[in-house]
N, C-alpha and C. Protein backbone atom coordinates (compact mmCIF):
# COMPACT_ATOMS: atom_id res chain seq x y z
N MET A 1 65.64 -5.72 17.08
CA MET A 1 65.68 -6.91 17.91
C MET A 1 64.99 -8.04 17.15
N THR A 2 65.63 -9.18 17.12
CA THR A 2 65.09 -10.34 16.42
C THR A 2 64.39 -11.28 17.40
N LYS A 3 63.75 -12.30 16.87
CA LYS A 3 63.10 -13.29 17.72
C LYS A 3 64.12 -13.97 18.62
N ALA A 4 65.29 -14.25 18.08
CA ALA A 4 66.35 -14.89 18.89
C ALA A 4 66.78 -13.98 20.04
N ASP A 5 66.87 -12.68 19.78
CA ASP A 5 67.22 -11.72 20.83
C ASP A 5 66.16 -11.70 21.93
N ILE A 6 64.90 -11.74 21.52
CA ILE A 6 63.80 -11.76 22.49
C ILE A 6 63.88 -13.01 23.35
N VAL A 7 64.10 -14.15 22.71
CA VAL A 7 64.21 -15.42 23.44
C VAL A 7 65.37 -15.37 24.42
N ASN A 8 66.52 -14.86 23.99
CA ASN A 8 67.68 -14.76 24.88
C ASN A 8 67.39 -13.84 26.06
N GLU A 9 66.75 -12.72 25.82
CA GLU A 9 66.44 -11.75 26.88
C GLU A 9 65.47 -12.35 27.91
N ILE A 10 64.43 -13.02 27.43
CA ILE A 10 63.47 -13.64 28.35
C ILE A 10 64.13 -14.77 29.13
N SER A 11 64.96 -15.55 28.46
CA SER A 11 65.66 -16.65 29.11
C SER A 11 66.58 -16.15 30.21
N LYS A 12 67.32 -15.07 29.93
CA LYS A 12 68.22 -14.49 30.94
C LYS A 12 67.46 -13.95 32.15
N SER A 13 66.38 -13.23 31.88
CA SER A 13 65.67 -12.57 32.99
C SER A 13 64.82 -13.52 33.82
N THR A 14 64.38 -14.65 33.25
CA THR A 14 63.53 -15.58 34.00
C THR A 14 64.25 -16.84 34.45
N GLY A 15 65.35 -17.18 33.81
CA GLY A 15 66.05 -18.41 34.15
C GLY A 15 65.45 -19.64 33.49
N ILE A 16 64.51 -19.45 32.59
CA ILE A 16 63.89 -20.57 31.88
C ILE A 16 64.77 -20.92 30.67
N GLU A 17 64.85 -22.21 30.34
CA GLU A 17 65.67 -22.65 29.22
C GLU A 17 65.23 -21.99 27.91
N LYS A 18 66.20 -21.73 27.04
CA LYS A 18 65.92 -21.07 25.76
C LYS A 18 64.95 -21.87 24.90
N ALA A 19 65.06 -23.19 24.92
CA ALA A 19 64.19 -24.03 24.10
C ALA A 19 62.73 -23.88 24.52
N VAL A 20 62.48 -23.78 25.81
CA VAL A 20 61.12 -23.63 26.33
C VAL A 20 60.58 -22.25 25.97
N VAL A 21 61.43 -21.23 26.13
CA VAL A 21 61.03 -19.87 25.79
C VAL A 21 60.74 -19.76 24.29
N LEU A 22 61.59 -20.34 23.46
CA LEU A 22 61.40 -20.31 22.01
C LEU A 22 60.07 -20.97 21.64
N GLU A 23 59.78 -22.11 22.24
CA GLU A 23 58.53 -22.81 21.95
C GLU A 23 57.33 -21.96 22.36
N THR A 24 57.43 -21.27 23.49
CA THR A 24 56.35 -20.41 23.97
C THR A 24 56.14 -19.22 23.05
N VAL A 25 57.22 -18.59 22.63
CA VAL A 25 57.13 -17.44 21.72
C VAL A 25 56.54 -17.88 20.38
N GLU A 26 56.99 -19.01 19.86
CA GLU A 26 56.46 -19.54 18.60
C GLU A 26 54.96 -19.83 18.72
N LYS A 27 54.54 -20.42 19.82
CA LYS A 27 53.14 -20.74 20.03
C LYS A 27 52.31 -19.47 20.15
N PHE A 28 52.84 -18.44 20.82
CA PHE A 28 52.14 -17.16 20.92
C PHE A 28 51.92 -16.57 19.54
N MET A 29 52.96 -16.54 18.72
CA MET A 29 52.84 -15.97 17.38
C MET A 29 51.86 -16.78 16.53
N GLU A 30 51.90 -18.08 16.65
CA GLU A 30 50.98 -18.95 15.90
C GLU A 30 49.53 -18.70 16.33
N THR A 31 49.31 -18.53 17.63
CA THR A 31 47.96 -18.29 18.15
C THR A 31 47.42 -16.95 17.65
N VAL A 32 48.26 -15.91 17.66
CA VAL A 32 47.84 -14.60 17.15
C VAL A 32 47.51 -14.70 15.67
N LYS A 33 48.38 -15.35 14.91
CA LYS A 33 48.17 -15.51 13.47
C LYS A 33 46.88 -16.28 13.17
N ASP A 34 46.65 -17.37 13.87
CA ASP A 34 45.44 -18.18 13.66
C ASP A 34 44.19 -17.39 14.02
N SER A 35 44.26 -16.63 15.10
CA SER A 35 43.12 -15.84 15.52
C SER A 35 42.77 -14.77 14.48
N LEU A 36 43.77 -14.10 13.95
CA LEU A 36 43.54 -13.09 12.91
C LEU A 36 43.01 -13.74 11.64
N ALA A 37 43.52 -14.91 11.30
CA ALA A 37 43.05 -15.62 10.11
C ALA A 37 41.58 -16.00 10.22
N GLN A 38 41.11 -16.24 11.44
CA GLN A 38 39.71 -16.58 11.67
C GLN A 38 38.83 -15.34 11.77
N GLY A 39 39.44 -14.15 11.70
CA GLY A 39 38.68 -12.91 11.75
C GLY A 39 38.53 -12.32 13.13
N ASN A 40 39.28 -12.83 14.10
CA ASN A 40 39.20 -12.32 15.48
C ASN A 40 40.39 -11.41 15.78
N ASN A 41 40.13 -10.29 16.45
CA ASN A 41 41.21 -9.41 16.89
C ASN A 41 41.80 -9.95 18.19
N VAL A 42 43.05 -9.57 18.47
CA VAL A 42 43.73 -9.99 19.70
C VAL A 42 44.07 -8.73 20.49
N TYR A 43 43.59 -8.65 21.74
CA TYR A 43 43.79 -7.48 22.58
C TYR A 43 44.69 -7.84 23.75
N LEU A 44 45.81 -7.13 23.90
CA LEU A 44 46.73 -7.33 25.01
C LEU A 44 46.78 -6.04 25.82
N ARG A 45 46.08 -6.02 26.94
CA ARG A 45 45.97 -4.81 27.76
C ARG A 45 47.35 -4.29 28.15
N GLY A 46 47.58 -3.01 27.94
CA GLY A 46 48.84 -2.38 28.28
C GLY A 46 49.91 -2.52 27.20
N PHE A 47 49.64 -3.32 26.19
CA PHE A 47 50.61 -3.52 25.10
C PHE A 47 50.05 -3.03 23.78
N GLY A 48 48.91 -3.58 23.36
CA GLY A 48 48.30 -3.15 22.11
C GLY A 48 47.36 -4.19 21.57
N SER A 49 46.90 -3.96 20.35
CA SER A 49 45.94 -4.84 19.71
C SER A 49 46.43 -5.26 18.33
N PHE A 50 46.28 -6.53 18.04
CA PHE A 50 46.51 -7.04 16.70
C PHE A 50 45.13 -7.06 16.06
N ILE A 51 44.93 -6.26 15.03
CA ILE A 51 43.61 -6.10 14.45
C ILE A 51 43.65 -6.39 12.95
N ILE A 52 42.46 -6.55 12.38
CA ILE A 52 42.33 -6.76 10.95
C ILE A 52 41.74 -5.48 10.36
N LYS A 53 42.45 -4.90 9.40
CA LYS A 53 41.96 -3.72 8.72
C LYS A 53 41.48 -4.11 7.33
N THR A 54 40.46 -3.41 6.85
CA THR A 54 39.94 -3.66 5.52
C THR A 54 40.38 -2.53 4.61
N ARG A 55 41.07 -2.87 3.55
CA ARG A 55 41.47 -1.89 2.55
C ARG A 55 40.41 -1.84 1.47
N SER A 56 39.98 -0.64 1.11
CA SER A 56 38.94 -0.47 0.10
C SER A 56 39.44 -0.84 -1.28
N GLU A 57 38.50 -1.09 -2.16
CA GLU A 57 38.84 -1.34 -3.56
C GLU A 57 39.44 -0.06 -4.14
N LYS A 58 40.46 -0.22 -4.97
CA LYS A 58 41.05 0.97 -5.57
C LYS A 58 41.53 0.68 -6.99
N THR A 59 41.73 1.75 -7.72
CA THR A 59 42.21 1.66 -9.08
C THR A 59 43.71 1.93 -9.08
N ALA A 60 44.46 1.11 -9.78
CA ALA A 60 45.92 1.27 -9.88
C ALA A 60 46.32 1.19 -11.34
N ARG A 61 47.57 1.55 -11.61
CA ARG A 61 48.06 1.51 -12.98
C ARG A 61 49.26 0.59 -13.09
N ASN A 62 49.27 -0.20 -14.15
CA ASN A 62 50.43 -1.00 -14.50
C ASN A 62 51.21 -0.16 -15.50
N ILE A 63 52.27 0.50 -15.03
CA ILE A 63 52.95 1.45 -15.90
C ILE A 63 53.73 0.79 -17.03
N SER A 64 54.13 -0.46 -16.87
CA SER A 64 54.87 -1.12 -17.95
C SER A 64 53.96 -1.44 -19.14
N LYS A 65 52.69 -1.75 -18.88
CA LYS A 65 51.74 -2.05 -19.96
C LYS A 65 50.79 -0.88 -20.22
N ASN A 66 50.89 0.17 -19.40
CA ASN A 66 50.03 1.34 -19.50
C ASN A 66 48.55 0.96 -19.45
N THR A 67 48.20 0.11 -18.46
CA THR A 67 46.82 -0.31 -18.29
C THR A 67 46.35 0.02 -16.88
N THR A 68 45.05 0.08 -16.72
CA THR A 68 44.45 0.31 -15.42
C THR A 68 43.94 -1.02 -14.87
N ILE A 69 44.21 -1.26 -13.60
CA ILE A 69 43.72 -2.49 -12.96
C ILE A 69 42.94 -2.11 -11.70
N ILE A 70 42.03 -2.96 -11.32
CA ILE A 70 41.24 -2.77 -10.10
C ILE A 70 41.80 -3.72 -9.03
N ILE A 71 42.19 -3.15 -7.90
CA ILE A 71 42.63 -3.97 -6.77
C ILE A 71 41.40 -4.13 -5.87
N PRO A 72 40.92 -5.36 -5.69
CA PRO A 72 39.69 -5.56 -4.91
C PRO A 72 39.90 -5.25 -3.42
N GLU A 73 38.78 -5.07 -2.72
CA GLU A 73 38.83 -4.87 -1.28
C GLU A 73 39.49 -6.08 -0.64
N HIS A 74 40.37 -5.85 0.33
CA HIS A 74 41.04 -6.96 0.99
C HIS A 74 41.37 -6.60 2.43
N LYS A 75 41.70 -7.60 3.21
CA LYS A 75 42.00 -7.42 4.62
C LYS A 75 43.49 -7.58 4.86
N ILE A 76 44.01 -6.78 5.81
CA ILE A 76 45.41 -6.86 6.18
C ILE A 76 45.54 -6.86 7.70
N PRO A 77 46.55 -7.55 8.23
CA PRO A 77 46.78 -7.49 9.67
C PRO A 77 47.47 -6.17 10.03
N ALA A 78 47.18 -5.68 11.24
CA ALA A 78 47.80 -4.43 11.70
C ALA A 78 47.99 -4.51 13.21
N PHE A 79 48.88 -3.67 13.72
CA PHE A 79 49.10 -3.57 15.16
C PHE A 79 48.81 -2.15 15.59
N LYS A 80 48.00 -2.02 16.63
CA LYS A 80 47.67 -0.72 17.19
C LYS A 80 48.19 -0.70 18.63
N PRO A 81 49.25 0.07 18.91
CA PRO A 81 49.81 0.08 20.26
C PRO A 81 48.87 0.74 21.27
N ALA A 82 48.94 0.28 22.51
CA ALA A 82 48.14 0.86 23.59
C ALA A 82 48.72 2.21 23.97
N LYS A 83 47.91 3.04 24.63
CA LYS A 83 48.34 4.38 25.03
C LYS A 83 49.55 4.30 25.97
N VAL A 84 49.53 3.35 26.90
CA VAL A 84 50.65 3.18 27.83
C VAL A 84 51.93 2.84 27.06
N PHE A 85 51.81 2.00 26.06
CA PHE A 85 52.92 1.62 25.20
C PHE A 85 53.49 2.84 24.49
N MET A 86 52.59 3.63 23.91
CA MET A 86 53.00 4.83 23.18
C MET A 86 53.68 5.84 24.09
N ASP A 87 53.16 6.00 25.30
CA ASP A 87 53.75 6.96 26.26
C ASP A 87 55.16 6.55 26.64
N GLU A 88 55.42 5.24 26.77
CA GLU A 88 56.77 4.76 27.13
C GLU A 88 57.76 4.98 25.98
N VAL A 89 57.29 4.83 24.76
CA VAL A 89 58.17 4.97 23.60
C VAL A 89 58.54 6.43 23.36
N LYS A 90 57.60 7.32 23.62
CA LYS A 90 57.85 8.76 23.37
C LYS A 90 58.93 9.31 24.19
């Protein structure tokens, strides 16, 4: 399902114009992204959590040059579904 499909589905079920729904969905995604960029997790009860995970420093190999490189510790965004969410999907 794409963002356009989500917008169409919400528009059909609520009767709200697609342009308004699209703007709302875009603003939601922007708010989640900005919050994660500031280091804050986003918790949506019954749905899940958008969290920041920290990946440890690790050693990797560049096989084309046959050298070892160090990948520094870094943060990545992640989604952790709620138990209710997981139960519905199963």
